[in-house]
PDB file of N, CA and C in Angstrom:
ATOM      1  N   UNK A   1      17.636 -14.738 -11.377  1.00  0.00           N
ATOM      2  CA  UNK A   1      18.325 -15.525 -12.463  1.00  0.00           C
ATOM      3  C   UNK A   1      19.778 -15.137 -12.388  1.00  0.00           C
ATOM      4  N   UNK A   2      20.483 -15.626 -11.404  1.00  0.00           N
ATOM      5  CA  UNK A   2      21.995 -15.203 -11.260  1.00  0.00           C
ATOM      6  C   UNK A   2      22.759 -15.459 -12.506  1.00  0.00           C
ATOM      7  N   UNK A   3      22.341 -16.573 -13.177  1.00  0.00           N
ATOM      8  CA  UNK A   3      23.159 -16.908 -14.385  1.00  0.00           C
ATOM      9  C   UNK A   3      22.674 -16.386 -15.701  1.00  0.00           C
ATOM     10  N   UNK A   4      21.621 -15.463 -15.583  1.00  0.00           N
ATOM     11  CA  UNK A   4      20.886 -14.844 -16.670  1.00  0.00           C
ATOM     12  C   UNK A   4      19.720 -15.705 -17.006  1.00  0.00           C
ATOM     13  N   UNK A   5      19.036 -15.314 -18.157  1.00  0.00           N
ATOM     14  CA  UNK A   5      17.948 -16.012 -18.582  1.00  0.00           C
ATOM     15  C   UNK A   5      16.886 -15.106 -19.205  1.00  0.00           C
ATOM     16  N   UNK A   6      15.676 -15.465 -19.317  1.00  0.00           N
ATOM     17  CA  UNK A   6      14.635 -14.847 -20.053  1.00  0.00           C
ATOM     18  C   UNK A   6      13.521 -14.646 -19.066  1.00  0.00           C
ATOM     19  N   UNK A   7      13.014 -13.379 -19.023  1.00  0.00           N
ATOM     20  CA  UNK A   7      11.746 -13.104 -18.252  1.00  0.00           C
ATOM     21  C   UNK A   7      10.642 -12.727 -19.230  1.00  0.00           C
ATOM     22  N   UNK A   8       9.622 -13.442 -19.322  1.00  0.00           N
ATOM     23  CA  UNK A   8       8.366 -13.059 -20.222  1.00  0.00           C
ATOM     24  C   UNK A   8       7.238 -12.507 -19.337  1.00  0.00           C
ATOM     25  N   UNK A   9       6.610 -11.433 -19.814  1.00  0.00           N
ATOM     26  CA  UNK A   9       5.449 -10.924 -19.192  1.00  0.00           C
ATOM     27  C   UNK A   9       4.389 -10.840 -20.307  1.00  0.00           C
ATOM     28  N   UNK A  10       3.274 -11.373 -19.876  1.00  0.00           N
ATOM     29  CA  UNK A  10       2.144 -11.360 -20.772  1.00  0.00           C
ATOM     30  C   UNK A  10       0.773 -11.065 -20.149  1.00  0.00           C
ATOM     31  N   UNK A  11      -0.019 -10.297 -20.730  1.00  0.00           N
ATOM     32  CA  UNK A  11      -1.463 -10.092 -20.180  1.00  0.00           C
ATOM     33  C   UNK A  11      -2.388 -10.435 -21.238  1.00  0.00           C
ATOM     34  N   UNK A  12      -3.476 -11.180 -20.979  1.00  0.00           N
ATOM     35  CA  UNK A  12      -4.468 -11.587 -21.856  1.00  0.00           C
ATOM     36  C   UNK A  12      -5.877 -11.891 -21.177  1.00  0.00           C
ATOM     37  N   UNK A  13      -6.944 -11.637 -21.893  1.00  0.00           N
ATOM     38  CA  UNK A  13      -8.347 -12.012 -21.455  1.00  0.00           C
ATOM     39  C   UNK A  13      -8.279 -13.488 -21.432  1.00  0.00           C
ATOM     40  N   UNK A  14      -9.060 -14.098 -20.465  1.00  0.00           N
ATOM     41  CA  UNK A  14      -8.947 -15.528 -20.210  1.00  0.00           C
ATOM     42  C   UNK A  14     -10.338 -15.965 -19.713  1.00  0.00           C
ATOM     43  N   UNK A  15     -10.907 -16.909 -20.349  1.00  0.00           N
ATOM     44  CA  UNK A  15     -12.211 -17.504 -19.877  1.00  0.00           C
ATOM     45  C   UNK A  15     -11.848 -18.709 -18.995  1.00  0.00           C
ATOM     46  N   UNK A  16     -12.216 -18.700 -17.729  1.00  0.00           N
ATOM     47  CA  UNK A  16     -12.055 -19.907 -16.939  1.00  0.00           C
ATOM     48  C   UNK A  16     -13.240 -20.854 -17.013  1.00  0.00           C
ATOM     49  N   UNK A  17     -13.129 -22.054 -17.327  1.00  0.00           N
ATOM     50  CA  UNK A  17     -14.208 -22.984 -17.323  1.00  0.00           C
ATOM     51  C   UNK A  17     -14.315 -23.554 -15.859  1.00  0.00           C
ATOM     52  N   UNK A  18     -15.421 -24.341 -15.529  1.00  0.00           N
ATOM     53  CA  UNK A  18     -15.583 -24.916 -14.216  1.00  0.00           C
ATOM     54  C   UNK A  18     -14.347 -25.701 -13.810  1.00  0.00           C
ATOM     55  N   UNK A  19     -13.867 -26.558 -14.778  1.00  0.00           N
ATOM     56  CA  UNK A  19     -12.742 -27.312 -14.529  1.00  0.00           C
ATOM     57  C   UNK A  19     -11.528 -26.502 -14.088  1.00  0.00           C
ATOM     58  N   UNK A  20     -11.177 -25.458 -14.889  1.00  0.00           N
ATOM     59  CA  UNK A  20     -10.034 -24.641 -14.605  1.00  0.00           C
ATOM     60  C   UNK A  20     -10.207 -23.701 -13.364  1.00  0.00           C
ATOM     61  N   UNK A  21     -11.419 -23.407 -13.063  1.00  0.00           N
ATOM     62  CA  UNK A  21     -11.662 -22.293 -11.989  1.00  0.00           C
ATOM     63  C   UNK A  21     -11.683 -23.186 -10.512  1.00  0.00           C
ATOM     64  N   UNK A  22     -12.148 -24.416 -10.564  1.00  0.00           N
ATOM     65  CA  UNK A  22     -12.264 -25.064  -9.307  1.00  0.00           C
ATOM     66  C   UNK A  22     -10.926 -25.164  -8.497  1.00  0.00           C
ATOM     67  N   UNK A  23      -9.806 -25.622  -9.079  1.00  0.00           N
ATOM     68  CA  UNK A  23      -8.509 -25.685  -8.292  1.00  0.00           C
ATOM     69  C   UNK A  23      -7.985 -24.313  -7.890  1.00  0.00           C
ATOM     70  N   UNK A  24      -8.555 -23.267  -8.558  1.00  0.00           N
ATOM     71  CA  UNK A  24      -8.050 -21.913  -8.098  1.00  0.00           C
ATOM     72  C   UNK A  24      -9.011 -21.363  -7.170  1.00  0.00           C
ATOM     73  N   UNK A  25     -10.150 -21.972  -6.777  1.00  0.00           N
ATOM     74  CA  UNK A  25     -11.033 -21.505  -5.815  1.00  0.00           C
ATOM     75  C   UNK A  25     -11.730 -20.309  -6.383  1.00  0.00           C
ATOM     76  N   UNK A  26     -12.040 -20.183  -7.668  1.00  0.00           N
ATOM     77  CA  UNK A  26     -12.613 -19.021  -8.351  1.00  0.00           C
ATOM     78  C   UNK A  26     -13.973 -19.493  -9.097  1.00  0.00           C
ATOM     79  N   UNK A  27     -14.763 -18.562  -9.256  1.00  0.00           N
ATOM     80  CA  UNK A  27     -15.932 -18.905 -10.028  1.00  0.00           C
ATOM     81  C   UNK A  27     -15.567 -19.011 -11.625  1.00  0.00           C
ATOM     82  N   UNK A  28     -16.210 -19.730 -12.321  1.00  0.00           N
ATOM     83  CA  UNK A  28     -16.008 -19.749 -13.817  1.00  0.00           C
ATOM     84  C   UNK A  28     -16.414 -18.367 -14.367  1.00  0.00           C
ATOM     85  N   UNK A  29     -15.656 -17.933 -15.343  1.00  0.00           N
ATOM     86  CA  UNK A  29     -16.014 -16.607 -16.084  1.00  0.00           C
ATOM     87  C   UNK A  29     -14.772 -16.023 -16.532  1.00  0.00           C
ATOM     88  N   UNK A  30     -15.084 -14.623 -16.879  1.00  0.00           N
ATOM     89  CA  UNK A  30     -14.012 -13.943 -17.491  1.00  0.00           C
ATOM     90  C   UNK A  30     -13.017 -13.313 -16.594  1.00  0.00           C
ATOM     91  N   UNK A  31     -11.659 -13.495 -16.944  1.00  0.00           N
ATOM     92  CA  UNK A  31     -10.529 -12.964 -16.084  1.00  0.00           C
ATOM     93  C   UNK A  31      -9.572 -12.340 -16.973  1.00  0.00           C
ATOM     94  N   UNK A  32      -8.762 -11.517 -16.426  1.00  0.00           N
ATOM     95  CA  UNK A  32      -7.495 -11.091 -16.977  1.00  0.00           C
ATOM     96  C   UNK A  32      -6.377 -11.872 -16.297  1.00  0.00           C
ATOM     97  N   UNK A  33      -5.606 -12.426 -17.208  1.00  0.00           N
ATOM     98  CA  UNK A  33      -4.455 -13.260 -16.684  1.00  0.00           C
ATOM     99  C   UNK A  33      -3.205 -12.687 -17.059  1.00  0.00           C
ATOM    100  N   UNK A  34      -2.365 -12.218 -15.932  1.00  0.00           N
ATOM    101  CA  UNK A  34      -1.125 -11.641 -16.150  1.00  0.00           C
ATOM    102  C   UNK A  34      -0.068 -12.666 -15.910  1.00  0.00           C
ATOM    103  N   UNK A  35       0.711 -13.118 -16.714  1.00  0.00           N
ATOM    104  CA  UNK A  35       1.789 -14.199 -16.603  1.00  0.00           C
ATOM    105  C   UNK A  35       3.224 -13.640 -16.604  1.00  0.00           C
ATOM    106  N   UNK A  36       3.910 -14.242 -15.698  1.00  0.00           N
ATOM    107  CA  UNK A  36       5.313 -13.939 -15.407  1.00  0.00           C
ATOM    108  C   UNK A  36       5.998 -15.197 -15.512  1.00  0.00           C
ATOM    109  N   UNK A  37       6.790 -15.586 -16.532  1.00  0.00           N
ATOM    110  CA  UNK A  37       7.492 -16.719 -16.726  1.00  0.00           C
ATOM    111  C   UNK A  37       9.059 -16.579 -16.926  1.00  0.00           C
ATOM    112  N   UNK A  38       9.863 -17.388 -16.241  1.00  0.00           N
ATOM    113  CA  UNK A  38      11.280 -17.154 -16.361  1.00  0.00           C
ATOM    114  C   UNK A  38      12.018 -18.533 -16.693  1.00  0.00           C
ATOM    115  N   UNK A  39      13.136 -18.468 -17.064  1.00  0.00           N
ATOM    116  CA  UNK A  39      13.930 -19.489 -17.417  1.00  0.00           C
ATOM    117  C   UNK A  39      15.069 -19.773 -16.408  1.00  0.00           C
ATOM    118  N   UNK A  40      14.802 -19.416 -15.208  1.00  0.00           N
ATOM    119  CA  UNK A  40      15.661 -19.503 -14.016  1.00  0.00           C
ATOM    120  C   UNK A  40      15.758 -20.998 -13.508  1.00  0.00           C
ATOM    121  N   UNK A  41      16.252 -21.109 -12.337  1.00  0.00           N
ATOM    122  CA  UNK A  41      16.538 -22.429 -11.816  1.00  0.00           C
ATOM    123  C   UNK A  41      15.328 -23.296 -11.542  1.00  0.00           C
ATOM    124  N   UNK A  42      14.265 -22.594 -11.267  1.00  0.00           N
ATOM    125  CA  UNK A  42      13.063 -23.364 -10.967  1.00  0.00           C
ATOM    126  C   UNK A  42      12.878 -23.757  -9.443  1.00  0.00           C
ATOM    127  N   UNK A  43      11.839 -24.328  -9.063  1.00  0.00           N
ATOM    128  CA  UNK A  43      11.605 -24.630  -7.640  1.00  0.00           C
ATOM    129  C   UNK A  43      11.069 -26.128  -7.617  1.00  0.00           C
ATOM    130  N   UNK A  44      11.592 -26.756  -6.524  1.00  0.00           N
ATOM    131  CA  UNK A  44      11.074 -28.098  -6.282  1.00  0.00           C
ATOM    132  C   UNK A  44       9.715 -28.040  -5.509  1.00  0.00           C
ATOM    133  N   UNK A  45       8.931 -29.092  -5.368  1.00  0.00           N
ATOM    134  CA  UNK A  45       7.570 -29.010  -4.759  1.00  0.00           C
ATOM    135  C   UNK A  45       7.630 -28.372  -3.445  1.00  0.00           C
ATOM    136  N   UNK A  46       8.505 -28.724  -2.541  1.00  0.00           N
ATOM    137  CA  UNK A  46       8.611 -28.194  -1.208  1.00  0.00           C
ATOM    138  C   UNK A  46       8.808 -26.786  -1.168  1.00  0.00           C
ATOM    139  N   UNK A  47       9.626 -26.228  -2.023  1.00  0.00           N
ATOM    140  CA  UNK A  47       9.790 -24.686  -2.166  1.00  0.00           C
ATOM    141  C   UNK A  47       8.568 -23.988  -2.639  1.00  0.00           C
ATOM    142  N   UNK A  48       7.921 -24.720  -3.641  1.00  0.00           N
ATOM    143  CA  UNK A  48       6.555 -24.111  -4.152  1.00  0.00           C
ATOM    144  C   UNK A  48       5.542 -23.951  -3.040  1.00  0.00           C
ATOM    145  N   UNK A  49       5.583 -24.944  -2.198  1.00  0.00           N
ATOM    146  CA  UNK A  49       4.518 -24.971  -1.118  1.00  0.00           C
ATOM    147  C   UNK A  49       4.763 -23.835  -0.123  1.00  0.00           C
ATOM    148  N   UNK A  50       6.039 -23.373   0.007  1.00  0.00           N
ATOM    149  CA  UNK A  50       6.330 -22.263   0.923  1.00  0.00           C
ATOM    150  C   UNK A  50       6.402 -20.862   0.348  1.00  0.00           C
ATOM    151  N   UNK A  51       6.499 -20.815  -1.101  1.00  0.00           N
ATOM    152  CA  UNK A  51       6.701 -19.638  -1.816  1.00  0.00           C
ATOM    153  C   UNK A  51       6.009 -18.459  -1.517  1.00  0.00           C
ATOM    154  N   UNK A  52       4.664 -18.449  -1.116  1.00  0.00           N
ATOM    155  CA  UNK A  52       3.864 -17.277  -0.710  1.00  0.00           C
ATOM    156  C   UNK A  52       3.924 -17.041   0.769  1.00  0.00           C
ATOM    157  N   UNK A  53       4.721 -17.754   1.481  1.00  0.00           N
ATOM    158  CA  UNK A  53       4.740 -17.621   3.013  1.00  0.00           C
ATOM    159  C   UNK A  53       5.527 -16.380   3.354  1.00  0.00           C
ATOM    160  N   UNK A  54       5.052 -15.513   4.214  1.00  0.00           N
ATOM    161  CA  UNK A  54       5.750 -14.315   4.640  1.00  0.00           C
ATOM    162  C   UNK A  54       7.151 -14.725   5.215  1.00  0.00           C
ATOM    163  N   UNK A  55       8.185 -14.003   4.835  1.00  0.00           N
ATOM    164  CA  UNK A  55       9.441 -14.085   5.344  1.00  0.00           C
ATOM    165  C   UNK A  55      10.216 -15.443   4.921  1.00  0.00           C
ATOM    166  N   UNK A  56       9.563 -16.252   3.995  1.00  0.00           N
ATOM    167  CA  UNK A  56      10.285 -17.368   3.397  1.00  0.00           C
ATOM    168  C   UNK A  56      11.124 -16.896   2.303  1.00  0.00           C
ATOM    169  N   UNK A  57      12.366 -17.307   2.329  1.00  0.00           N
ATOM    170  CA  UNK A  57      13.197 -16.941   1.241  1.00  0.00           C
ATOM    171  C   UNK A  57      14.363 -18.075   0.919  1.00  0.00           C
ATOM    172  N   UNK A  58      14.708 -18.104  -0.318  1.00  0.00           N
ATOM    173  CA  UNK A  58      15.786 -19.093  -0.695  1.00  0.00           C
ATOM    174  C   UNK A  58      17.119 -18.333  -0.965  1.00  0.00           C
ATOM    175  N   UNK A  59      17.050 -16.928  -0.633  1.00  0.00           N
ATOM    176  CA  UNK A  59      18.129 -16.077  -0.999  1.00  0.00           C
ATOM    177  C   UNK A  59      19.167 -15.850   0.324  1.00  0.00           C
ATOM    178  N   UNK A  60      18.698 -16.495   1.469  1.00  0.00           N
ATOM    179  CA  UNK A  60      19.658 -16.296   2.677  1.00  0.00           C
ATOM    180  C   UNK A  60      19.506 -14.777   3.151  1.00  0.00           C
ATOM    181  N   UNK A  61      20.758 -14.282   3.264  1.00  0.00           N
ATOM    182  CA  UNK A  61      20.863 -12.886   3.755  1.00  0.00           C
ATOM    183  C   UNK A  61      20.646 -11.830   2.488  1.00  0.00           C
ATOM    184  N   UNK A  62      20.484 -12.193   1.384  1.00  0.00           N
ATOM    185  CA  UNK A  62      20.340 -11.216   0.311  1.00  0.00           C
ATOM    186  C   UNK A  62      18.721 -10.843   0.034  1.00  0.00           C
ATOM    187  N   UNK A  63      17.759 -11.591   0.878  1.00  0.00           N
ATOM    188  CA  UNK A  63      16.384 -11.058   0.604  1.00  0.00           C
ATOM    189  C   UNK A  63      15.464 -11.354   1.923  1.00  0.00           C
ATOM    190  N   UNK A  64      14.419 -10.623   1.921  1.00  0.00           N
ATOM    191  CA  UNK A  64      13.547 -10.738   3.114  1.00  0.00           C
ATOM    192  C   UNK A  64      12.446 -11.709   2.941  1.00  0.00           C
ATOM    193  N   UNK A  65      12.080 -12.128   1.660  1.00  0.00           N
ATOM    194  CA  UNK A  65      10.937 -13.105   1.611  1.00  0.00           C
ATOM    195  C   UNK A  65       9.615 -12.329   1.543  1.00  0.00           C
ATOM    196  N   UNK A  66       9.530 -11.162   1.459  1.00  0.00           N
ATOM    197  CA  UNK A  66       8.247 -10.595   1.474  1.00  0.00           C
ATOM    198  C   UNK A  66       7.493 -10.217   0.117  1.00  0.00           C
ATOM    199  N   UNK A  67       8.243 -10.334  -0.924  1.00  0.00           N
ATOM    200  CA  UNK A  67       7.729 -10.021  -2.310  1.00  0.00           C
ATOM    201  C   UNK A  67       6.508 -10.827  -2.676  1.00  0.00           C
ATOM    202  N   UNK A  68       6.651 -12.122  -2.669  1.00  0.00           N
ATOM    203  CA  UNK A  68       5.669 -13.089  -3.120  1.00  0.00           C
ATOM    204  C   UNK A  68       4.414 -12.979  -2.185  1.00  0.00           C
ATOM    205  N   UNK A  69       4.746 -12.945  -0.872  1.00  0.00           N
ATOM    206  CA  UNK A  69       3.503 -12.917   0.146  1.00  0.00           C
ATOM    207  C   UNK A  69       2.764 -11.598  -0.077  1.00  0.00           C
ATOM    208  N   UNK A  70       3.385 -10.479  -0.498  1.00  0.00           N
ATOM    209  CA  UNK A  70       2.602  -9.310  -0.808  1.00  0.00           C
ATOM    210  C   UNK A  70       1.914  -9.444  -1.997  1.00  0.00           C
ATOM    211  N   UNK A  71       2.479  -9.972  -3.082  1.00  0.00           N
ATOM    212  CA  UNK A  71       1.684 -10.275  -4.320  1.00  0.00           C
ATOM    213  C   UNK A  71       0.445 -11.087  -4.131  1.00  0.00           C
ATOM    214  N   UNK A  72       0.670 -12.178  -3.270  1.00  0.00           N
ATOM    215  CA  UNK A  72      -0.436 -13.115  -3.125  1.00  0.00           C
ATOM    216  C   UNK A  72      -1.537 -12.392  -2.328  1.00  0.00           C
ATOM    217  N   UNK A  73      -1.065 -11.528  -1.476  1.00  0.00           N
ATOM    218  CA  UNK A  73      -2.235 -10.709  -0.658  1.00  0.00           C
ATOM    219  C   UNK A  73      -2.998  -9.785  -1.612  1.00  0.00           C
ATOM    220  N   UNK A  74      -2.224  -9.107  -2.484  1.00  0.00           N
ATOM    221  CA  UNK A  74      -2.854  -8.174  -3.385  1.00  0.00           C
ATOM    222  C   UNK A  74      -3.756  -8.817  -4.377  1.00  0.00           C
ATOM    223  N   UNK A  75      -3.367 -10.037  -4.828  1.00  0.00           N
ATOM    224  CA  UNK A  75      -4.253 -10.828  -5.847  1.00  0.00           C
ATOM    225  C   UNK A  75      -5.539 -11.311  -5.056  1.00  0.00           C
ATOM    226  N   UNK A  76      -5.399 -11.903  -3.830  1.00  0.00           N
ATOM    227  CA  UNK A  76      -6.465 -12.429  -3.139  1.00  0.00           C
ATOM    228  C   UNK A  76      -7.513 -11.196  -2.849  1.00  0.00           C
ATOM    229  N   UNK A  77      -7.007 -10.003  -2.317  1.00  0.00           N
ATOM    230  CA  UNK A  77      -7.808  -8.836  -1.965  1.00  0.00           C
ATOM    231  C   UNK A  77      -8.631  -8.397  -3.373  1.00  0.00           C
ATOM    232  N   UNK A  78      -8.095  -8.696  -4.538  1.00  0.00           N
ATOM    233  CA  UNK A  78      -8.626  -8.305  -5.813  1.00  0.00           C
ATOM    234  C   UNK A  78      -9.613  -9.295  -6.246  1.00  0.00           C
ATOM    235  N   UNK A  79      -9.825 -10.340  -5.423  1.00  0.00           N
ATOM    236  CA  UNK A  79     -10.649 -11.461  -5.684  1.00  0.00           C
ATOM    237  C   UNK A  79     -10.176 -12.364  -6.854  1.00  0.00           C
ATOM    238  N   UNK A  80      -9.011 -12.562  -6.832  1.00  0.00           N
ATOM    239  CA  UNK A  80      -8.333 -13.265  -7.914  1.00  0.00           C
ATOM    240  C   UNK A  80      -7.544 -14.483  -7.284  1.00  0.00           C
ATOM    241  N   UNK A  81      -6.710 -15.049  -8.170  1.00  0.00           N
ATOM    242  CA  UNK A  81      -5.841 -16.195  -7.741  1.00  0.00           C
ATOM    243  C   UNK A  81      -4.552 -16.347  -8.481  1.00  0.00           C
ATOM    244  N   UNK A  82      -3.527 -16.972  -7.914  1.00  0.00           N
ATOM    245  CA  UNK A  82      -2.283 -17.114  -8.548  1.00  0.00           C
ATOM    246  C   UNK A  82      -2.143 -18.686  -8.651  1.00  0.00           C
ATOM    247  N   UNK A  83      -1.700 -19.112  -9.963  1.00  0.00           N
ATOM    248  CA  UNK A  83      -1.301 -20.352 -10.188  1.00  0.00           C
ATOM    249  C   UNK A  83       0.220 -20.550 -10.440  1.00  0.00           C
ATOM    250  N   UNK A  84       0.972 -21.320  -9.518  1.00  0.00           N
ATOM    251  CA  UNK A  84       2.398 -21.334  -9.782  1.00  0.00           C
ATOM    252  C   UNK A  84       2.704 -22.693 -10.440  1.00  0.00           C
ATOM    253  N   UNK A  85       3.553 -22.763 -11.568  1.00  0.00           N
ATOM    254  CA  UNK A  85       4.034 -23.912 -12.137  1.00  0.00           C
ATOM    255  C   UNK A  85       5.534 -23.868 -12.229  1.00  0.00           C
ATOM    256  N   UNK A  86       6.228 -24.827 -11.609  1.00  0.00           N
ATOM    257  CA  UNK A  86       7.710 -24.833 -11.760  1.00  0.00           C
ATOM    258  C   UNK A  86       8.292 -26.228 -11.554  1.00  0.00           C
ATOM    259  N   UNK A  87       9.516 -26.322 -12.120  1.00  0.00           N
ATOM    260  CA  UNK A  87      10.180 -27.594 -11.948  1.00  0.00           C
ATOM    261  C   UNK A  87      11.742 -27.243 -12.004  1.00  0.00           C
ATOM    262  N   UNK A  88      12.562 -27.877 -11.051  1.00  0.00           N
ATOM    263  CA  UNK A  88      14.022 -27.624 -10.994  1.00  0.00           C
ATOM    264  C   UNK A  88      14.644 -27.712 -12.284  1.00  0.00           C
ATOM    265  N   UNK A  89      15.290 -26.604 -12.756  1.00  0.00           N
ATOM    266  CA  UNK A  89      16.008 -26.661 -14.008  1.00  0.00           C
ATOM    267  C   UNK A  89      15.190 -25.965 -15.133  1.00  0.00           C
ATOM    268  N   UNK A  90      13.936 -25.775 -14.982  1.00  0.00           N
ATOM    269  CA  UNK A  90      13.113 -25.358 -16.125  1.00  0.00           C
ATOM    270  C   UNK A  90      12.371 -24.059 -15.765  1.00  0.00           C
ATOM    271  N   UNK A  91      12.813 -23.295 -14.743  1.00  0.00           N
ATOM    272  CA  UNK A  91      12.200 -22.015 -14.526  1.00  0.00           C
ATOM    273  C   UNK A  91      10.893 -22.045 -13.773  1.00  0.00           C
ATOM    274  N   UNK A  92      10.169 -20.933 -13.633  1.00  0.00           N
ATOM    275  CA  UNK A  92       8.898 -20.816 -12.993  1.00  0.00           C
ATOM    276  C   UNK A  92       7.873 -20.050 -13.877  1.00  0.00           C
ATOM    277  N   UNK A  93       6.647 -20.236 -13.535  1.00  0.00           N
ATOM    278  CA  UNK A  93       5.661 -19.462 -14.270  1.00  0.00           C
ATOM    279  C   UNK A  93       4.461 -19.248 -13.164  1.00  0.00           C
ATOM    280  N   UNK A  94       4.291 -17.836 -13.078  1.00  0.00           N
ATOM    281  CA  UNK A  94       3.183 -17.395 -12.147  1.00  0.00           C
ATOM    282  C   UNK A  94       2.011 -16.815 -13.055  1.00  0.00           C
ATOM    283  N   UNK A  95       0.923 -17.362 -12.942  1.00  0.00           N
ATOM    284  CA  UNK A  95      -0.243 -16.754 -13.628  1.00  0.00           C
ATOM    285  C   UNK A  95      -1.185 -16.190 -12.604  1.00  0.00           C
ATOM    286  N   UNK A  96      -1.464 -14.908 -12.764  1.00  0.00           N
ATOM    287  CA  UNK A  96      -2.249 -14.216 -11.874  1.00  0.00           C
ATOM    288  C   UNK A  96      -3.616 -13.885 -12.495  1.00  0.00           C
ATOM    289  N   UNK A  97      -4.665 -14.290 -11.939  1.00  0.00           N
ATOM    290  CA  UNK A  97      -6.011 -14.239 -12.484  1.00  0.00           C
ATOM    291  C   UNK A  97      -6.720 -13.212 -11.681  1.00  0.00           C
ATOM    292  N   UNK A  98      -7.261 -12.059 -12.525  1.00  0.00           N
ATOM    293  CA  UNK A  98      -8.066 -11.113 -11.831  1.00  0.00           C
ATOM    294  C   UNK A  98      -9.485 -11.011 -12.592  1.00  0.00           C
ATOM    295  N   UNK A  99     -10.472 -10.929 -11.736  1.00  0.00           N
ATOM    296  CA  UNK A  99     -11.726 -10.845 -12.420  1.00  0.00           C
ATOM    297  C   UNK A  99     -11.789  -9.717 -13.428  1.00  0.00           C
ATOM    298  N   UNK A 100     -12.411 -10.005 -14.542  1.00  0.00           N
ATOM    299  CA  UNK A 100     -12.391  -8.903 -15.519  1.00  0.00           C
ATOM    300  C   UNK A 100     -13.595  -8.060 -15.330  1.00  0.00           C
ATOM    301  N   UNK A 101     -13.423  -6.706 -15.540  1.00  0.00           N
ATOM    302  CA  UNK A 101     -14.543  -5.762 -15.522  1.00  0.00           C
ATOM    303  C   UNK A 101     -14.631  -5.039 -16.658  1.00  0.00           C
ATOM    304  N   UNK A 102     -15.852  -5.003 -17.251  1.00  0.00           N
ATOM    305  CA  UNK A 102     -16.061  -4.340 -18.416  1.00  0.00           C
ATOM    306  C   UNK A 102     -16.155  -2.768 -18.365  1.00  0.00           C
ATOM    307  N   UNK A 103     -16.763  -2.278 -17.331  1.00  0.00           N
ATOM    308  CA  UNK A 103     -16.716  -0.846 -16.908  1.00  0.00           C
ATOM    309  C   UNK A 103     -16.928  -0.602 -15.486  1.00  0.00           C
ATOM    310  N   UNK A 104     -16.530   0.542 -15.026  1.00  0.00           N
ATOM    311  CA  UNK A 104     -16.520   0.805 -13.618  1.00  0.00           C
ATOM    312  C   UNK A 104     -17.313   2.220 -13.686  1.00  0.00           C
ATOM    313  N   UNK A 105     -18.381   2.314 -12.892  1.00  0.00           N
ATOM    314  CA  UNK A 105     -19.026   3.513 -12.909  1.00  0.00           C
ATOM    315  C   UNK A 105     -18.209   4.689 -12.042  1.00  0.00           C
ATOM    316  N   UNK A 106     -18.315   5.890 -12.614  1.00  0.00           N
ATOM    317  CA  UNK A 106     -17.672   6.980 -12.137  1.00  0.00           C
ATOM    318  C   UNK A 106     -18.331   7.559 -10.870  1.00  0.00           C
ATOM    319  N   UNK A 107     -17.475   7.825  -9.798  1.00  0.00           N
ATOM    320  CA  UNK A 107     -18.057   8.412  -8.551  1.00  0.00           C
ATOM    321  C   UNK A 107     -18.963   9.658  -8.889  1.00  0.00           C
ATOM    322  N   UNK A 108     -19.997   9.844  -8.330  1.00  0.00           N
ATOM    323  CA  UNK A 108     -20.824  11.061  -8.350  1.00  0.00           C
ATOM    324  C   UNK A 108     -21.530  11.226  -9.607  1.00  0.00           C
ATOM    325  N   UNK A 109     -21.462  10.102 -10.513  1.00  0.00           N
ATOM    326  CA  UNK A 109     -22.060  10.307 -11.801  1.00  0.00           C
ATOM    327  C   UNK A 109     -23.081   9.434 -12.010  1.00  0.00           C
TER     328      UNK A 109
END
């Protein structure tokens, strides 16, 4: 956000219904949703379709374009999904859905 703005980060338990889970290619159920929302310049549809591509960048010489592709890979390997919402002039919102785990057994126990 070169002109300044607000970045909001939020984490919450989230229950995905069948209707909400289907477009994310997830199973309905309990997830943890970590949201990153900003009031920056936003993205048009074409930019959104490339946002997670390796080496894609709108920063020219100032960036490599690896950040979002690495986030995407991490979320997918965690059996989760990312939902991107944005519009030019209104910022962007990334919702990262991770399967919720109640307890993890300890190794050797």
